[in-house]
Every structure is written in C-alpha cells, then in structure tokens.
C-alpha cells in the first residue's frame, strides 16, 4: 500500500482549513485516511500550523511520501530536523 502524507480540505466555502493526514495514495483527497497528524489554517494571520512531529517522523520512516505542500509544512515545523537528529543519535 502506497502511503502519502497530504492535506485534507475542511472548513466552509471560501474559508479553507486543512488537516494533515496519512492516507492511502489511491483514496480521494477528502476520503478515507489512516491517521491525522495535525492541521493547517491559512485563514488567520499569520498562518497557523500544528503537526505531531513524532508521528510524522514515524510515518516518514515507514516510507510515507509527503506531497509538495505537506513537505513544506513539515519543514516549517522542523520535522526533518527531528529525523536528522535521530539519525545522528543512532550513529553515535
């Protein structure tokens, strides 16, 4: 099963709100998902992002492929720094 980390659109018309989810790549954008990792609210100033870094690292290590937008949000939250830190700690 190919797994992706992507955004699931929620909210009202013209007022988007996104949940960052882990889903099968064949599932619909707003369809079935495996786990919710966090959320992204672009309607507030500044944009609000909250992601569970530990679970995101787990799914990335399991082979989940983030979409371009999800990857940008993960970088903004420092999830890739957690992966690098875990790899450095394991090497020592």
N, C-alpha and C. Protein backbone atom coordinates (compact mmCIF):
# COMPACT_ATOMS: atom_id res chain seq x y z
N UNK A 1 0.85 -1.18 0.00
CA UNK A 1 0.00 0.00 0.00
C UNK A 1 0.90 1.24 0.00
N UNK A 2 0.72 2.10 -0.99
CA UNK A 2 1.47 3.36 -1.07
C UNK A 2 0.79 4.38 -0.17
N UNK A 3 1.56 4.91 0.77
CA UNK A 3 1.00 5.84 1.76
C UNK A 3 1.56 7.24 1.51
N UNK A 4 0.68 8.23 1.63
CA UNK A 4 1.08 9.63 1.44
C UNK A 4 0.69 10.45 2.66
N UNK A 5 1.50 11.48 2.92
CA UNK A 5 1.14 12.49 3.91
C UNK A 5 0.64 13.67 3.10
N UNK A 6 -0.61 14.04 3.29
CA UNK A 6 -1.19 15.10 2.47
C UNK A 6 -2.21 15.91 3.26
N UNK A 7 -2.74 16.94 2.60
CA UNK A 7 -3.71 17.83 3.24
C UNK A 7 -5.13 17.39 2.87
N UNK A 8 -6.00 17.41 3.85
CA UNK A 8 -7.41 17.10 3.66
C UNK A 8 -8.19 18.38 3.89
N UNK A 9 -8.93 18.85 2.87
CA UNK A 9 -9.62 20.13 2.98
C UNK A 9 -10.87 20.00 3.82
N UNK A 10 -11.00 20.95 4.74
CA UNK A 10 -12.17 21.01 5.60
C UNK A 10 -12.63 22.46 5.59
N UNK A 11 -13.56 22.81 6.45
CA UNK A 11 -14.00 24.19 6.56
C UNK A 11 -15.12 24.52 5.59
N UNK A 12 -15.58 25.75 5.67
CA UNK A 12 -16.69 26.20 4.85
C UNK A 12 -16.20 26.69 3.49
N UNK A 13 -17.14 26.97 2.62
CA UNK A 13 -16.82 27.52 1.31
C UNK A 13 -16.10 28.85 1.48
N UNK A 14 -15.01 29.04 0.77
CA UNK A 14 -14.17 30.26 0.82
C UNK A 14 -13.43 30.44 2.14
N UNK A 15 -13.52 29.48 3.06
CA UNK A 15 -12.82 29.53 4.35
C UNK A 15 -12.11 28.20 4.58
N UNK A 16 -11.05 27.92 3.81
CA UNK A 16 -10.42 26.61 3.91
C UNK A 16 -9.70 26.39 5.24
N UNK A 17 -9.70 25.15 5.64
CA UNK A 17 -8.98 24.67 6.83
C UNK A 17 -8.52 23.28 6.45
N UNK A 18 -7.28 22.96 6.70
CA UNK A 18 -6.74 21.69 6.26
C UNK A 18 -6.26 20.85 7.43
N UNK A 19 -6.48 19.55 7.33
CA UNK A 19 -5.89 18.60 8.28
C UNK A 19 -4.77 17.89 7.55
N UNK A 20 -3.66 17.71 8.24
CA UNK A 20 -2.53 16.96 7.69
C UNK A 20 -2.77 15.50 8.07
N UNK A 21 -2.96 14.65 7.06
CA UNK A 21 -3.32 13.26 7.31
C UNK A 21 -2.38 12.30 6.58
N UNK A 22 -2.37 11.07 7.06
CA UNK A 22 -1.69 9.97 6.38
C UNK A 22 -2.79 9.17 5.72
N UNK A 23 -2.68 8.98 4.39
CA UNK A 23 -3.74 8.29 3.66
C UNK A 23 -3.15 7.42 2.57
N UNK A 24 -3.91 6.42 2.17
CA UNK A 24 -3.54 5.60 1.02
C UNK A 24 -3.57 6.51 -0.21
N UNK A 25 -2.58 6.38 -1.07
CA UNK A 25 -2.48 7.28 -2.22
C UNK A 25 -3.66 7.13 -3.17
N UNK A 26 -4.36 6.01 -3.13
CA UNK A 26 -5.50 5.79 -4.04
C UNK A 26 -6.79 6.38 -3.50
N UNK A 27 -6.82 6.77 -2.23
CA UNK A 27 -8.04 7.32 -1.62
C UNK A 27 -8.28 8.75 -2.13
N UNK A 28 -9.53 9.17 -2.09
CA UNK A 28 -9.88 10.52 -2.51
C UNK A 28 -9.26 11.55 -1.57
N UNK A 29 -9.11 12.77 -2.06
CA UNK A 29 -8.48 13.83 -1.26
C UNK A 29 -9.13 13.99 0.11
N UNK A 30 -10.45 14.01 0.13
CA UNK A 30 -11.17 14.18 1.39
C UNK A 30 -11.76 12.86 1.88
N UNK A 31 -11.26 11.76 1.35
CA UNK A 31 -11.81 10.45 1.68
C UNK A 31 -11.15 9.82 2.89
N UNK A 32 -11.11 8.51 2.84
CA UNK A 32 -10.61 7.71 3.95
C UNK A 32 -9.14 8.00 4.24
N UNK A 33 -8.78 8.05 5.51
CA UNK A 33 -7.40 8.28 5.89
C UNK A 33 -7.02 7.35 7.04
N UNK A 34 -5.72 7.21 7.28
CA UNK A 34 -5.22 6.30 8.30
C UNK A 34 -5.07 7.01 9.64
N UNK A 35 -4.47 8.20 9.62
CA UNK A 35 -4.20 8.92 10.87
C UNK A 35 -4.12 10.42 10.60
N UNK A 36 -4.56 11.21 11.57
CA UNK A 36 -4.43 12.67 11.50
C UNK A 36 -3.16 13.08 12.23
N UNK A 37 -2.30 13.86 11.55
CA UNK A 37 -1.05 14.30 12.15
C UNK A 37 -1.13 15.72 12.71
N UNK A 38 -2.03 16.53 12.19
CA UNK A 38 -2.12 17.91 12.64
C UNK A 38 -3.06 18.71 11.76
N UNK A 39 -2.86 20.03 11.76
CA UNK A 39 -3.73 20.89 10.96
C UNK A 39 -2.97 22.10 10.44
N UNK A 40 -3.58 22.77 9.45
CA UNK A 40 -3.03 23.98 8.84
C UNK A 40 -4.20 24.91 8.58
N UNK A 41 -4.13 26.13 9.16
CA UNK A 41 -5.20 27.11 8.99
C UNK A 41 -4.62 28.34 8.29
N UNK A 42 -4.84 28.47 6.97
CA UNK A 42 -4.29 29.61 6.23
C UNK A 42 -5.11 30.88 6.37
N UNK A 43 -6.28 30.81 7.01
CA UNK A 43 -7.18 31.97 7.07
C UNK A 43 -6.83 32.96 8.17
N UNK A 44 -6.00 32.58 9.11
CA UNK A 44 -5.60 33.50 10.17
C UNK A 44 -4.25 34.12 9.81
N UNK A 45 -3.96 35.25 10.40
CA UNK A 45 -2.69 35.93 10.12
C UNK A 45 -1.86 35.97 11.39
N UNK A 46 -0.71 35.38 11.49
CA UNK A 46 -0.06 34.53 10.47
C UNK A 46 -0.69 33.14 10.43
N UNK A 47 -0.42 32.40 9.35
CA UNK A 47 -0.97 31.05 9.19
C UNK A 47 -0.64 30.18 10.40
N UNK A 48 -1.59 29.37 10.78
CA UNK A 48 -1.43 28.52 11.96
C UNK A 48 -1.16 27.08 11.51
N UNK A 49 -0.06 26.50 12.01
CA UNK A 49 0.30 25.13 11.67
C UNK A 49 0.64 24.39 12.95
N UNK A 50 0.09 23.19 13.10
CA UNK A 50 0.44 22.34 14.24
C UNK A 50 0.51 20.91 13.73
N UNK A 51 1.68 20.28 13.92
CA UNK A 51 1.89 18.91 13.45
C UNK A 51 2.56 18.12 14.56
N UNK A 52 2.10 16.89 14.78
CA UNK A 52 2.72 15.98 15.75
C UNK A 52 3.99 15.44 15.11
N UNK A 53 5.13 15.99 15.52
CA UNK A 53 6.41 15.65 14.92
C UNK A 53 6.81 14.20 15.07
N UNK A 54 6.55 13.61 16.23
CA UNK A 54 6.94 12.22 16.46
C UNK A 54 6.20 11.27 15.53
N UNK A 55 4.90 11.49 15.36
CA UNK A 55 4.13 10.62 14.46
C UNK A 55 4.51 10.85 13.00
N UNK A 56 4.81 12.10 12.64
CA UNK A 56 5.24 12.39 11.28
C UNK A 56 6.56 11.68 10.98
N UNK A 57 7.50 11.71 11.93
CA UNK A 57 8.78 11.02 11.75
C UNK A 57 8.54 9.52 11.59
N UNK A 58 7.65 8.97 12.41
CA UNK A 58 7.33 7.54 12.32
C UNK A 58 6.85 7.18 10.92
N UNK A 59 5.90 7.96 10.39
CA UNK A 59 5.35 7.65 9.08
C UNK A 59 6.37 7.87 7.97
N UNK A 60 7.21 8.88 8.09
CA UNK A 60 8.25 9.09 7.09
C UNK A 60 9.24 7.93 7.09
N UNK A 61 9.59 7.42 8.27
CA UNK A 61 10.49 6.27 8.35
C UNK A 61 9.84 5.01 7.81
N UNK A 62 8.51 4.93 7.88
CA UNK A 62 7.79 3.78 7.32
C UNK A 62 7.67 3.88 5.80
N UNK A 63 8.08 5.00 5.22
CA UNK A 63 8.06 5.13 3.77
C UNK A 63 6.96 6.01 3.21
N UNK A 64 6.24 6.72 4.05
CA UNK A 64 5.18 7.62 3.57
C UNK A 64 5.81 8.76 2.77
N UNK A 65 5.21 9.08 1.63
CA UNK A 65 5.71 10.14 0.77
C UNK A 65 4.85 11.40 0.96
N UNK A 66 5.44 12.50 1.43
CA UNK A 66 4.64 13.72 1.58
C UNK A 66 4.43 14.41 0.23
N UNK A 67 3.28 15.06 0.08
CA UNK A 67 3.06 15.88 -1.11
C UNK A 67 3.92 17.13 -0.98
N UNK A 68 4.02 17.92 -2.03
CA UNK A 68 4.87 19.11 -2.01
C UNK A 68 4.45 20.07 -0.90
N UNK A 69 3.15 20.33 -0.78
CA UNK A 69 2.67 21.26 0.24
C UNK A 69 2.87 20.69 1.64
N UNK A 70 2.58 19.41 1.82
CA UNK A 70 2.78 18.78 3.13
C UNK A 70 4.26 18.79 3.50
N UNK A 71 5.12 18.58 2.53
CA UNK A 71 6.56 18.59 2.80
C UNK A 71 7.01 19.98 3.25
N UNK A 72 6.49 21.02 2.62
CA UNK A 72 6.83 22.39 3.02
C UNK A 72 6.39 22.66 4.45
N UNK A 73 5.20 22.19 4.82
CA UNK A 73 4.71 22.37 6.19
C UNK A 73 5.55 21.59 7.19
N UNK A 74 5.96 20.38 6.82
CA UNK A 74 6.80 19.57 7.70
C UNK A 74 8.15 20.23 7.93
N UNK A 75 8.71 20.81 6.87
CA UNK A 75 9.99 21.52 7.01
C UNK A 75 9.82 22.75 7.91
N UNK A 76 8.71 23.46 7.73
CA UNK A 76 8.44 24.66 8.52
C UNK A 76 8.33 24.32 10.00
N UNK A 77 7.80 23.14 10.32
CA UNK A 77 7.64 22.70 11.70
C UNK A 77 8.89 22.01 12.25
N UNK A 78 9.91 21.80 11.40
CA UNK A 78 11.16 21.22 11.87
C UNK A 78 11.14 19.71 12.00
N UNK A 79 10.25 19.04 11.29
CA UNK A 79 10.17 17.58 11.38
C UNK A 79 11.41 16.93 10.78
N UNK A 80 11.94 17.50 9.71
CA UNK A 80 13.13 16.92 9.09
C UNK A 80 14.35 17.09 9.98
N UNK A 81 14.35 18.12 10.83
CA UNK A 81 15.43 18.27 11.81
C UNK A 81 15.36 17.15 12.84
N UNK A 82 14.14 16.72 13.20
CA UNK A 82 13.99 15.61 14.14
C UNK A 82 14.54 14.32 13.54
N UNK A 83 14.32 14.12 12.24
CA UNK A 83 14.84 12.92 11.57
C UNK A 83 16.36 12.95 11.57
N UNK A 84 16.94 14.09 11.24
CA UNK A 84 18.40 14.22 11.21
C UNK A 84 18.98 14.03 12.60
N UNK A 85 18.32 14.56 13.61
CA UNK A 85 18.78 14.41 14.99
C UNK A 85 18.71 12.96 15.45
N UNK A 86 17.66 12.25 15.04
CA UNK A 86 17.51 10.84 15.41
C UNK A 86 18.57 10.00 14.72
N UNK A 87 18.88 10.33 13.46
CA UNK A 87 19.90 9.58 12.73
C UNK A 87 21.28 9.81 13.34
N UNK A 88 21.57 11.04 13.75
CA UNK A 88 22.85 11.36 14.37
C UNK A 88 22.98 10.65 15.71
N UNK A 89 21.92 10.63 16.50
CA UNK A 89 21.95 9.96 17.80
C UNK A 89 22.12 8.45 17.64
N UNK A 90 21.52 7.88 16.61
CA UNK A 90 21.63 6.44 16.38
C UNK A 90 23.04 6.07 15.92
N UNK A 91 23.69 6.96 15.18
CA UNK A 91 25.04 6.69 14.67
C UNK A 91 26.08 6.73 15.79
N UNK A 92 25.81 7.47 16.84
CA UNK A 92 26.79 7.60 17.93
C UNK A 92 26.75 6.47 18.89
